[in-house]
Amino acid sequence: SELMLGKARAAAGGAVPTMEEPTSDGLKVLRGRVDAALTPGRVE
């Protein structure tokens, strides 16, 4: 909870918080999907 609130505060300050590093093969797959989806055009 404290970690997520820290990320929320960073976002409120105008930053984009760094995402958590994947710690398993399943999370590596999910992180790959996130990186592929979050293109500048889609975020815009």
All heavy atoms as atom14 arrays in JSON, in Angstrom:
{
  "sequence": "SELMLGKARAAAGGAVPTMEEPTSDGLKVLRGRVDAALTPGRVE",
  "atom14_mask": [
    [1, 1, 1, 1, 1, 1, 0, 0, 0, 0, 0, 0, 0, 0],
    [1, 1, 1, 1, 1, 1, 1, 1, 1, 0, 0, 0, 0, 0],
    [1, 1, 1, 1, 1, 1, 1, 1, 0, 0, 0, 0, 0, 0],
    [1, 1, 1, 1, 1, 1, 1, 1, 0, 0, 0, 0, 0, 0],
    [1, 1, 1, 1, 1, 1, 1, 1, 0, 0, 0, 0, 0, 0],
    [1, 1, 1, 1, 0, 0, 0, 0, 0, 0, 0, 0, 0, 0],
    [1, 1, 1, 1, 1, 1, 1, 1, 1, 0, 0, 0, 0, 0],
    [1, 1, 1, 1, 1, 0, 0, 0, 0, 0, 0, 0, 0, 0],
    [1, 1, 1, 1, 1, 1, 1, 1, 1, 1, 1, 0, 0, 0],
    [1, 1, 1, 1, 1, 0, 0, 0, 0, 0, 0, 0, 0, 0],
    [1, 1, 1, 1, 1, 0, 0, 0, 0, 0, 0, 0, 0, 0],
    [1, 1, 1, 1, 1, 0, 0, 0, 0, 0, 0, 0, 0, 0],
    [1, 1, 1, 1, 0, 0, 0, 0, 0, 0, 0, 0, 0, 0],
    [1, 1, 1, 1, 0, 0, 0, 0, 0, 0, 0, 0, 0, 0],
    [1, 1, 1, 1, 1, 0, 0, 0, 0, 0, 0, 0, 0, 0],
    [1, 1, 1, 1, 1, 1, 1, 0, 0, 0, 0, 0, 0, 0],
    [1, 1, 1, 1, 1, 1, 1, 0, 0, 0, 0, 0, 0, 0],
    [1, 1, 1, 1, 1, 1, 1, 0, 0, 0, 0, 0, 0, 0],
    [1, 1, 1, 1, 1, 1, 1, 1, 0, 0, 0, 0, 0, 0],
    [1, 1, 1, 1, 1, 1, 1, 1, 1, 0, 0, 0, 0, 0],
    [1, 1, 1, 1, 1, 1, 1, 1, 1, 0, 0, 0, 0, 0],
    [1, 1, 1, 1, 1, 1, 1, 0, 0, 0, 0, 0, 0, 0],
    [1, 1, 1, 1, 1, 1, 1, 0, 0, 0, 0, 0, 0, 0],
    [1, 1, 1, 1, 1, 1, 0, 0, 0, 0, 0, 0, 0, 0],
    [1, 1, 1, 1, 1, 1, 1, 1, 0, 0, 0, 0, 0, 0],
    [1, 1, 1, 1, 0, 0, 0, 0, 0, 0, 0, 0, 0, 0],
    [1, 1, 1, 1, 1, 1, 1, 1, 0, 0, 0, 0, 0, 0],
    [1, 1, 1, 1, 1, 1, 1, 1, 1, 0, 0, 0, 0, 0],
    [1, 1, 1, 1, 1, 1, 1, 0, 0, 0, 0, 0, 0, 0],
    [1, 1, 1, 1, 1, 1, 1, 1, 0, 0, 0, 0, 0, 0],
    [1, 1, 1, 1, 1, 1, 1, 1, 1, 1, 1, 0, 0, 0],
    [1, 1, 1, 1, 0, 0, 0, 0, 0, 0, 0, 0, 0, 0],
    [1, 1, 1, 1, 1, 1, 1, 1, 1, 1, 1, 0, 0, 0],
    [1, 1, 1, 1, 1, 1, 1, 0, 0, 0, 0, 0, 0, 0],
    [1, 1, 1, 1, 1, 1, 1, 1, 0, 0, 0, 0, 0, 0],
    [1, 1, 1, 1, 1, 0, 0, 0, 0, 0, 0, 0, 0, 0],
    [1, 1, 1, 1, 1, 0, 0, 0, 0, 0, 0, 0, 0, 0],
    [1, 1, 1, 1, 1, 1, 1, 1, 0, 0, 0, 0, 0, 0],
    [1, 1, 1, 1, 1, 1, 1, 0, 0, 0, 0, 0, 0, 0],
    [1, 1, 1, 1, 1, 1, 1, 0, 0, 0, 0, 0, 0, 0],
    [1, 1, 1, 1, 0, 0, 0, 0, 0, 0, 0, 0, 0, 0],
    [1, 1, 1, 1, 1, 1, 1, 1, 1, 1, 1, 0, 0, 0],
    [1, 1, 1, 1, 1, 1, 1, 0, 0, 0, 0, 0, 0, 0],
    [1, 1, 1, 1, 1, 1, 1, 1, 1, 0, 0, 0, 0, 0]
  ],
  "atom14_positions": [
    [[0.83, -1.19, 0.0], [0.0, 0.0, 0.0], [0.87, 1.25, 0.0], [0.64, 2.2, -0.75], [-0.94, 0.01, 1.21], [-1.72, 1.2, 1.23], [0.0, 0.0, 0.0], [0.0, 0.0, 0.0], [0.0, 0.0, 0.0], [0.0, 0.0, 0.0], [0.0, 0.0, 0.0], [0.0, 0.0, 0.0], [0.0, 0.0, 0.0], [0.0, 0.0, 0.0]],
    [[1.91, 1.23, 0.82], [2.82, 2.38, 0.87], [3.53, 2.55, -0.46], [3.72, 3.68, -0.94], [3.84, 2.17, 1.99], [4.77, 3.36, 2.17], [5.73, 3.17, 3.32], [5.85, 2.02, 3.8], [6.35, 4.15, 3.74], [0.0, 0.0, 0.0], [0.0, 0.0, 0.0], [0.0, 0.0, 0.0], [0.0, 0.0, 0.0], [0.0, 0.0, 0.0]],
    [[3.92, 1.45, -1.1], [4.6, 1.52, -2.4], [3.69, 2.15, -3.45], [4.11, 3.02, -4.22], [5.02, 0.11, -2.84], [5.67, 0.02, -4.22], [7.02, 0.7, -4.22], [5.8, -1.45, -4.64], [0.0, 0.0, 0.0], [0.0, 0.0, 0.0], [0.0, 0.0, 0.0], [0.0, 0.0, 0.0], [0.0, 0.0, 0.0], [0.0, 0.0, 0.0]],
    [[2.42, 1.71, -3.49], [1.49, 2.23, -4.48], [1.17, 3.71, -4.23], [1.0, 4.48, -5.17], [0.2, 1.4, -4.48], [0.38, -0.04, -4.93], [1.07, -0.14, -6.61], [1.49, -1.89, -6.7], [0.0, 0.0, 0.0], [0.0, 0.0, 0.0], [0.0, 0.0, 0.0], [0.0, 0.0, 0.0], [0.0, 0.0, 0.0], [0.0, 0.0, 0.0]],
    [[1.09, 4.1, -2.98], [0.85, 5.51, -2.67], [2.05, 6.36, -3.1], [1.88, 7.5, -3.54], [0.58, 5.69, -1.18], [-0.8, 5.24, -0.71], [-0.92, 5.39, 0.8], [-1.91, 6.03, -1.41], [0.0, 0.0, 0.0], [0.0, 0.0, 0.0], [0.0, 0.0, 0.0], [0.0, 0.0, 0.0], [0.0, 0.0, 0.0], [0.0, 0.0, 0.0]],
    [[3.25, 5.8, -3.0], [4.43, 6.51, -3.49], [4.36, 6.73, -4.98], [4.71, 7.81, -5.49], [0.0, 0.0, 0.0], [0.0, 0.0, 0.0], [0.0, 0.0, 0.0], [0.0, 0.0, 0.0], [0.0, 0.0, 0.0], [0.0, 0.0, 0.0], [0.0, 0.0, 0.0], [0.0, 0.0, 0.0], [0.0, 0.0, 0.0], [0.0, 0.0, 0.0]],
    [[3.91, 5.73, -5.72], [3.74, 5.88, -7.16], [2.65, 6.89, -7.48], [2.76, 7.68, -8.43], [3.41, 4.52, -7.8], [4.58, 3.53, -7.8], [4.15, 2.18, -8.34], [5.28, 1.16, -8.32], [6.14, 1.24, -9.51], [0.0, 0.0, 0.0], [0.0, 0.0, 0.0], [0.0, 0.0, 0.0], [0.0, 0.0, 0.0], [0.0, 0.0, 0.0]],
    [[1.57, 6.89, -6.69], [0.49, 7.86, -6.9], [0.99, 9.29, -6.68], [0.64, 10.21, -7.42], [-0.68, 7.56, -5.97], [0.0, 0.0, 0.0], [0.0, 0.0, 0.0], [0.0, 0.0, 0.0], [0.0, 0.0, 0.0], [0.0, 0.0, 0.0], [0.0, 0.0, 0.0], [0.0, 0.0, 0.0], [0.0, 0.0, 0.0], [0.0, 0.0, 0.0]],
    [[1.82, 9.47, -5.66], [2.38, 10.81, -5.41], [3.28, 11.24, -6.55], [3.27, 12.41, -6.96], [3.16, 10.81, -4.09], [2.3, 10.63, -2.85], [3.14, 10.84, -1.58], [2.4, 10.43, -0.4], [2.5, 9.23, 0.17], [3.33, 8.33, -0.34], [1.79, 8.93, 1.24], [0.0, 0.0, 0.0], [0.0, 0.0, 0.0], [0.0, 0.0, 0.0]],
    [[4.08, 10.32, -7.06], [4.96, 10.65, -8.19], [4.15, 11.06, -9.41], [4.49, 12.03, -10.11], [5.86, 9.46, -8.52], [0.0, 0.0, 0.0], [0.0, 0.0, 0.0], [0.0, 0.0, 0.0], [0.0, 0.0, 0.0], [0.0, 0.0, 0.0], [0.0, 0.0, 0.0], [0.0, 0.0, 0.0], [0.0, 0.0, 0.0], [0.0, 0.0, 0.0]],
    [[3.06, 10.35, -9.68], [2.2, 10.69, -10.82], [1.56, 12.05, -10.62], [1.44, 12.84, -11.56], [1.14, 9.62, -11.02], [0.0, 0.0, 0.0], [0.0, 0.0, 0.0], [0.0, 0.0, 0.0], [0.0, 0.0, 0.0], [0.0, 0.0, 0.0], [0.0, 0.0, 0.0], [0.0, 0.0, 0.0], [0.0, 0.0, 0.0], [0.0, 0.0, 0.0]],
    [[1.15, 12.36, -9.39], [0.57, 13.66, -9.1], [1.57, 14.78, -9.35], [1.2, 15.9, -9.72], [0.09, 13.72, -7.65], [0.0, 0.0, 0.0], [0.0, 0.0, 0.0], [0.0, 0.0, 0.0], [0.0, 0.0, 0.0], [0.0, 0.0, 0.0], [0.0, 0.0, 0.0], [0.0, 0.0, 0.0], [0.0, 0.0, 0.0], [0.0, 0.0, 0.0]],
    [[2.87, 14.46, -9.2], [3.91, 15.44, -9.46], [4.28, 15.57, -10.92], [5.18, 16.32, -11.26], [0.0, 0.0, 0.0], [0.0, 0.0, 0.0], [0.0, 0.0, 0.0], [0.0, 0.0, 0.0], [0.0, 0.0, 0.0], [0.0, 0.0, 0.0], [0.0, 0.0, 0.0], [0.0, 0.0, 0.0], [0.0, 0.0, 0.0], [0.0, 0.0, 0.0]],
    [[3.57, 14.83, -11.78], [3.81, 14.94, -13.22], [4.71, 13.87, -13.79], [4.97, 13.85, -14.99], [0.0, 0.0, 0.0], [0.0, 0.0, 0.0], [0.0, 0.0, 0.0], [0.0, 0.0, 0.0], [0.0, 0.0, 0.0], [0.0, 0.0, 0.0], [0.0, 0.0, 0.0], [0.0, 0.0, 0.0], [0.0, 0.0, 0.0], [0.0, 0.0, 0.0]],
    [[5.17, 12.93, -12.97], [6.06, 11.87, -13.44], [5.25, 10.64, -13.86], [4.08, 10.5, -13.52], [7.05, 11.49, -12.35], [0.0, 0.0, 0.0], [0.0, 0.0, 0.0], [0.0, 0.0, 0.0], [0.0, 0.0, 0.0], [0.0, 0.0, 0.0], [0.0, 0.0, 0.0], [0.0, 0.0, 0.0], [0.0, 0.0, 0.0], [0.0, 0.0, 0.0]],
    [[5.9, 9.77, -14.61], [5.33, 8.46, -14.93], [6.12, 7.44, -14.12], [7.3, 7.19, -14.42], [5.42, 8.15, -16.43], [4.91, 6.73, -16.72], [4.62, 9.16, -17.24], [0.0, 0.0, 0.0], [0.0, 0.0, 0.0], [0.0, 0.0, 0.0], [0.0, 0.0, 0.0], [0.0, 0.0, 0.0], [0.0, 0.0, 0.0], [0.0, 0.0, 0.0]],
    [[5.54, 6.86, -13.07], [6.29, 5.95, -12.21], [6.86, 4.76, -12.98], [6.25, 4.26, -13.93], [5.23, 5.48, -11.19], [4.19, 6.57, -11.2], [4.15, 7.07, -12.6], [0.0, 0.0, 0.0], [0.0, 0.0, 0.0], [0.0, 0.0, 0.0], [0.0, 0.0, 0.0], [0.0, 0.0, 0.0], [0.0, 0.0, 0.0], [0.0, 0.0, 0.0]],
    [[8.03, 4.33, -12.55], [8.67, 3.16, -13.16], [7.89, 1.91, -12.79], [7.54, 1.7, -11.63], [10.12, 3.03, -12.67], [10.83, 4.23, -13.0], [10.81, 1.84, -13.31], [0.0, 0.0, 0.0], [0.0, 0.0, 0.0], [0.0, 0.0, 0.0], [0.0, 0.0, 0.0], [0.0, 0.0, 0.0], [0.0, 0.0, 0.0], [0.0, 0.0, 0.0]],
    [[7.64, 1.08, -13.79], [6.91, -0.16, -13.52], [7.8, -1.19, -12.83], [9.03, -1.17, -12.98], [6.35, -0.73, -14.83], [5.13, 0.01, -15.35], [4.38, -0.79, -16.79], [5.56, -0.33, -18.06], [0.0, 0.0, 0.0], [0.0, 0.0, 0.0], [0.0, 0.0, 0.0], [0.0, 0.0, 0.0], [0.0, 0.0, 0.0], [0.0, 0.0, 0.0]],
    [[7.17, -2.1, -12.11], [7.89, -3.16, -11.41], [8.55, -4.11, -12.4], [8.02, -4.39, -13.48], [6.92, -3.95, -10.51], [6.25, -3.12, -9.44], [7.23, -2.6, -8.42], [7.97, -3.43, -7.83], [7.26, -1.37, -8.21], [0.0, 0.0, 0.0], [0.0, 0.0, 0.0], [0.0, 0.0, 0.0], [0.0, 0.0, 0.0], [0.0, 0.0, 0.0]],
    [[9.73, -4.58, -12.04], [10.42, -5.55, -12.88], [9.74, -6.92, -12.76], [9.35, -7.31, -11.67], [11.89, -5.66, -12.47], [12.72, -4.44, -12.8], [12.79, -4.17, -14.3], [12.83, -5.15, -15.07], [12.79, -2.99, -14.69], [0.0, 0.0, 0.0], [0.0, 0.0, 0.0], [0.0, 0.0, 0.0], [0.0, 0.0, 0.0], [0.0, 0.0, 0.0]],
    [[9.61, -7.65, -13.86], [8.98, -8.98, -13.78], [9.88, -9.96, -13.03], [11.1, -9.97, -13.22], [8.82, -9.37, -15.25], [9.84, -8.56, -15.99], [9.97, -7.27, -15.24], [0.0, 0.0, 0.0], [0.0, 0.0, 0.0], [0.0, 0.0, 0.0], [0.0, 0.0, 0.0], [0.0, 0.0, 0.0], [0.0, 0.0, 0.0], [0.0, 0.0, 0.0]],
    [[9.27, -10.77, -12.21], [10.02, -11.74, -11.41], [9.68, -13.18, -11.77], [10.1, -14.11, -11.08], [9.73, -11.51, -9.91], [8.32, -11.56, -9.68], [10.25, -10.15, -9.45], [0.0, 0.0, 0.0], [0.0, 0.0, 0.0], [0.0, 0.0, 0.0], [0.0, 0.0, 0.0], [0.0, 0.0, 0.0], [0.0, 0.0, 0.0], [0.0, 0.0, 0.0]],
    [[8.91, -13.36, -12.84], [8.57, -14.71, -13.28], [8.36, -14.68, -14.78], [8.21, -13.61, -15.39], [7.3, -15.2, -12.58], [6.18, -14.44, -12.99], [0.0, 0.0, 0.0], [0.0, 0.0, 0.0], [0.0, 0.0, 0.0], [0.0, 0.0, 0.0], [0.0, 0.0, 0.0], [0.0, 0.0, 0.0], [0.0, 0.0, 0.0], [0.0, 0.0, 0.0]],
    [[8.33, -15.87, -15.38], [8.12, -15.94, -16.83], [6.75, -15.38, -17.2], [6.59, -14.72, -18.23], [8.25, -17.39, -17.3], [9.69, -17.91, -17.23], [10.6, -17.06, -17.18], [9.88, -19.14, -17.21], [0.0, 0.0, 0.0], [0.0, 0.0, 0.0], [0.0, 0.0, 0.0], [0.0, 0.0, 0.0], [0.0, 0.0, 0.0], [0.0, 0.0, 0.0]],
    [[5.74, -15.67, -16.35], [4.41, -15.16, -16.63], [4.37, -13.64, -16.63], [3.74, -13.02, -17.5], [0.0, 0.0, 0.0], [0.0, 0.0, 0.0], [0.0, 0.0, 0.0], [0.0, 0.0, 0.0], [0.0, 0.0, 0.0], [0.0, 0.0, 0.0], [0.0, 0.0, 0.0], [0.0, 0.0, 0.0], [0.0, 0.0, 0.0], [0.0, 0.0, 0.0]],
    [[5.06, -13.02, -15.66], [5.1, -11.56, -15.61], [5.9, -10.98, -16.76], [5.6, -9.89, -17.25], [5.7, -11.11, -14.28], [4.77, -11.2, -13.06], [5.54, -10.84, -11.8], [3.56, -10.27, -13.23], [0.0, 0.0, 0.0], [0.0, 0.0, 0.0], [0.0, 0.0, 0.0], [0.0, 0.0, 0.0], [0.0, 0.0, 0.0], [0.0, 0.0, 0.0]],
    [[6.92, -11.71, -17.22], [7.68, -11.24, -18.38], [6.79, -11.15, -19.62], [6.9, -10.22, -20.41], [8.87, -12.17, -18.64], [9.98, -12.04, -17.61], [11.11, -13.01, -17.91], [12.21, -12.91, -16.85], [13.31, -13.87, -17.09], [0.0, 0.0, 0.0], [0.0, 0.0, 0.0], [0.0, 0.0, 0.0], [0.0, 0.0, 0.0], [0.0, 0.0, 0.0]],
    [[5.91, -12.13, -19.76], [4.97, -12.1, -20.89], [4.04, -10.9, -20.77], [3.8, -10.18, -21.74], [4.17, -13.42, -20.94], [3.06, -13.32, -21.99], [5.09, -14.59, -21.27], [0.0, 0.0, 0.0], [0.0, 0.0, 0.0], [0.0, 0.0, 0.0], [0.0, 0.0, 0.0], [0.0, 0.0, 0.0], [0.0, 0.0, 0.0], [0.0, 0.0, 0.0]],
    [[3.5, -10.7, -19.55], [2.6, -9.56, -19.34], [3.31, -8.24, -19.57], [2.75, -7.32, -20.19], [2.02, -9.6, -17.93], [1.09, -10.77, -17.58], [0.58, -10.63, -16.15], [-0.08, -10.86, -18.56], [0.0, 0.0, 0.0], [0.0, 0.0, 0.0], [0.0, 0.0, 0.0], [0.0, 0.0, 0.0], [0.0, 0.0, 0.0], [0.0, 0.0, 0.0]],
    [[4.54, -8.13, -19.09], [5.29, -6.89, -19.27], [5.54, -6.63, -20.77], [5.49, -5.48, -21.23], [6.61, -6.96, -18.51], [7.5, -5.72, -18.68], [6.83, -4.45, -18.17], [7.65, -3.29, -18.41], [8.55, -2.82, -17.55], [8.74, -3.43, -16.38], [9.26, -1.75, -17.84], [0.0, 0.0, 0.0], [0.0, 0.0, 0.0], [0.0, 0.0, 0.0]],
    [[5.8, -7.68, -21.52], [5.97, -7.52, -22.96], [4.72, -6.98, -23.63], [4.79, -6.13, -24.52], [0.0, 0.0, 0.0], [0.0, 0.0, 0.0], [0.0, 0.0, 0.0], [0.0, 0.0, 0.0], [0.0, 0.0, 0.0], [0.0, 0.0, 0.0], [0.0, 0.0, 0.0], [0.0, 0.0, 0.0], [0.0, 0.0, 0.0], [0.0, 0.0, 0.0]],
    [[3.56, -7.47, -23.18], [2.3, -6.97, -23.73], [2.08, -5.5, -23.38], [1.59, -4.72, -24.2], [1.13, -7.82, -23.2], [1.13, -9.25, -23.72], [0.02, -10.06, -23.07], [0.01, -11.44, -23.52], [-0.77, -12.39, -23.02], [-1.61, -12.09, -22.03], [-0.71, -13.62, -23.49], [0.0, 0.0, 0.0], [0.0, 0.0, 0.0], [0.0, 0.0, 0.0]],
    [[2.45, -5.14, -22.15], [2.31, -3.75, -21.73], [3.2, -2.84, -22.57], [2.75, -1.81, -23.09], [2.66, -3.59, -20.23], [2.69, -2.12, -19.83], [1.65, -4.34, -19.38], [0.0, 0.0, 0.0], [0.0, 0.0, 0.0], [0.0, 0.0, 0.0], [0.0, 0.0, 0.0], [0.0, 0.0, 0.0], [0.0, 0.0, 0.0], [0.0, 0.0, 0.0]],
    [[4.46, -3.2, -22.71], [5.4, -2.38, -23.47], [4.97, -2.22, -24.93], [5.13, -1.15, -25.51], [6.8, -2.98, -23.4], [7.41, -2.9, -22.01], [6.92, -2.08, -21.2], [8.35, -3.66, -21.72], [0.0, 0.0, 0.0], [0.0, 0.0, 0.0], [0.0, 0.0, 0.0], [0.0, 0.0, 0.0], [0.0, 0.0, 0.0], [0.0, 0.0, 0.0]],
    [[4.42, -3.3, -25.49], [3.97, -3.23, -26.89], [2.72, -2.37, -27.04], [2.53, -1.71, -28.07], [3.71, -4.63, -27.42], [0.0, 0.0, 0.0], [0.0, 0.0, 0.0], [0.0, 0.0, 0.0], [0.0, 0.0, 0.0], [0.0, 0.0, 0.0], [0.0, 0.0, 0.0], [0.0, 0.0, 0.0], [0.0, 0.0, 0.0], [0.0, 0.0, 0.0]],
    [[1.88, -2.35, -26.02], [0.61, -1.62, -26.11], [0.76, -0.14, -25.81], [0.03, 0.69, -26.36], [-0.42, -2.23, -25.16], [0.0, 0.0, 0.0], [0.0, 0.0, 0.0], [0.0, 0.0, 0.0], [0.0, 0.0, 0.0], [0.0, 0.0, 0.0], [0.0, 0.0, 0.0], [0.0, 0.0, 0.0], [0.0, 0.0, 0.0], [0.0, 0.0, 0.0]],
    [[1.71, 0.21, -24.93], [1.84, 1.61, -24.5], [2.69, 2.42, -25.47], [3.73, 2.96, -25.11], [2.42, 1.68, -23.09], [1.53, 1.14, -21.97], [2.21, 1.33, -20.62], [0.17, 1.81, -21.98], [0.0, 0.0, 0.0], [0.0, 0.0, 0.0], [0.0, 0.0, 0.0], [0.0, 0.0, 0.0], [0.0, 0.0, 0.0], [0.0, 0.0, 0.0]],
    [[2.24, 2.53, -26.71], [2.92, 3.39, -27.68], [2.49, 4.83, -27.45], [1.42, 5.09, -26.88], [2.55, 2.97, -29.11], [1.13, 3.14, -29.29], [2.91, 1.52, -29.37], [0.0, 0.0, 0.0], [0.0, 0.0, 0.0], [0.0, 0.0, 0.0], [0.0, 0.0, 0.0], [0.0, 0.0, 0.0], [0.0, 0.0, 0.0], [0.0, 0.0, 0.0]],
    [[3.3, 5.79, -27.87], [2.92, 7.2, -27.69], [1.55, 7.54, -28.28], [0.79, 8.31, -27.69], [4.05, 7.96, -28.39], [5.22, 7.05, -28.3], [4.66, 5.67, -28.43], [0.0, 0.0, 0.0], [0.0, 0.0, 0.0], [0.0, 0.0, 0.0], [0.0, 0.0, 0.0], [0.0, 0.0, 0.0], [0.0, 0.0, 0.0], [0.0, 0.0, 0.0]],
    [[1.24, 6.95, -29.43], [-0.05, 7.25, -30.04], [-1.22, 6.76, -29.23], [-2.23, 7.47, -29.07], [0.0, 0.0, 0.0], [0.0, 0.0, 0.0], [0.0, 0.0, 0.0], [0.0, 0.0, 0.0], [0.0, 0.0, 0.0], [0.0, 0.0, 0.0], [0.0, 0.0, 0.0], [0.0, 0.0, 0.0], [0.0, 0.0, 0.0], [0.0, 0.0, 0.0]],
    [[-1.12, 5.57, -28.68], [-2.22, 5.03, -27.87], [-2.34, 5.77, -26.54], [-3.45, 6.03, -26.07], [-2.02, 3.53, -27.63], [-2.19, 2.68, -28.9], [-2.27, 1.2, -28.56], [-2.48, 0.39, -29.74], [-1.58, -0.44, -30.26], [-0.4, -0.57, -29.67], [-1.85, -1.14, -31.34], [0.0, 0.0, 0.0], [0.0, 0.0, 0.0], [0.0, 0.0, 0.0]],
    [[-1.21, 6.1, -25.94], [-1.26, 6.87, -24.69], [-1.91, 8.23, -24.95], [-2.67, 8.74, -24.13], [0.15, 7.04, -24.11], [0.14, 8.0, -22.92], [0.71, 5.69, -23.68], [0.0, 0.0, 0.0], [0.0, 0.0, 0.0], [0.0, 0.0, 0.0], [0.0, 0.0, 0.0], [0.0, 0.0, 0.0], [0.0, 0.0, 0.0], [0.0, 0.0, 0.0]],
    [[-1.6, 8.82, -26.1], [-2.17, 10.12, -26.45], [-3.68, 10.04, -26.63], [-4.41, 10.91, -26.16], [-1.52, 10.62, -27.76], [-2.08, 11.92, -28.29], [-1.56, 13.14, -27.56], [-0.49, 13.03, -26.93], [-2.22, 14.18, -27.63], [0.0, 0.0, 0.0], [0.0, 0.0, 0.0], [0.0, 0.0, 0.0], [0.0, 0.0, 0.0], [0.0, 0.0, 0.0]]
  ]
}
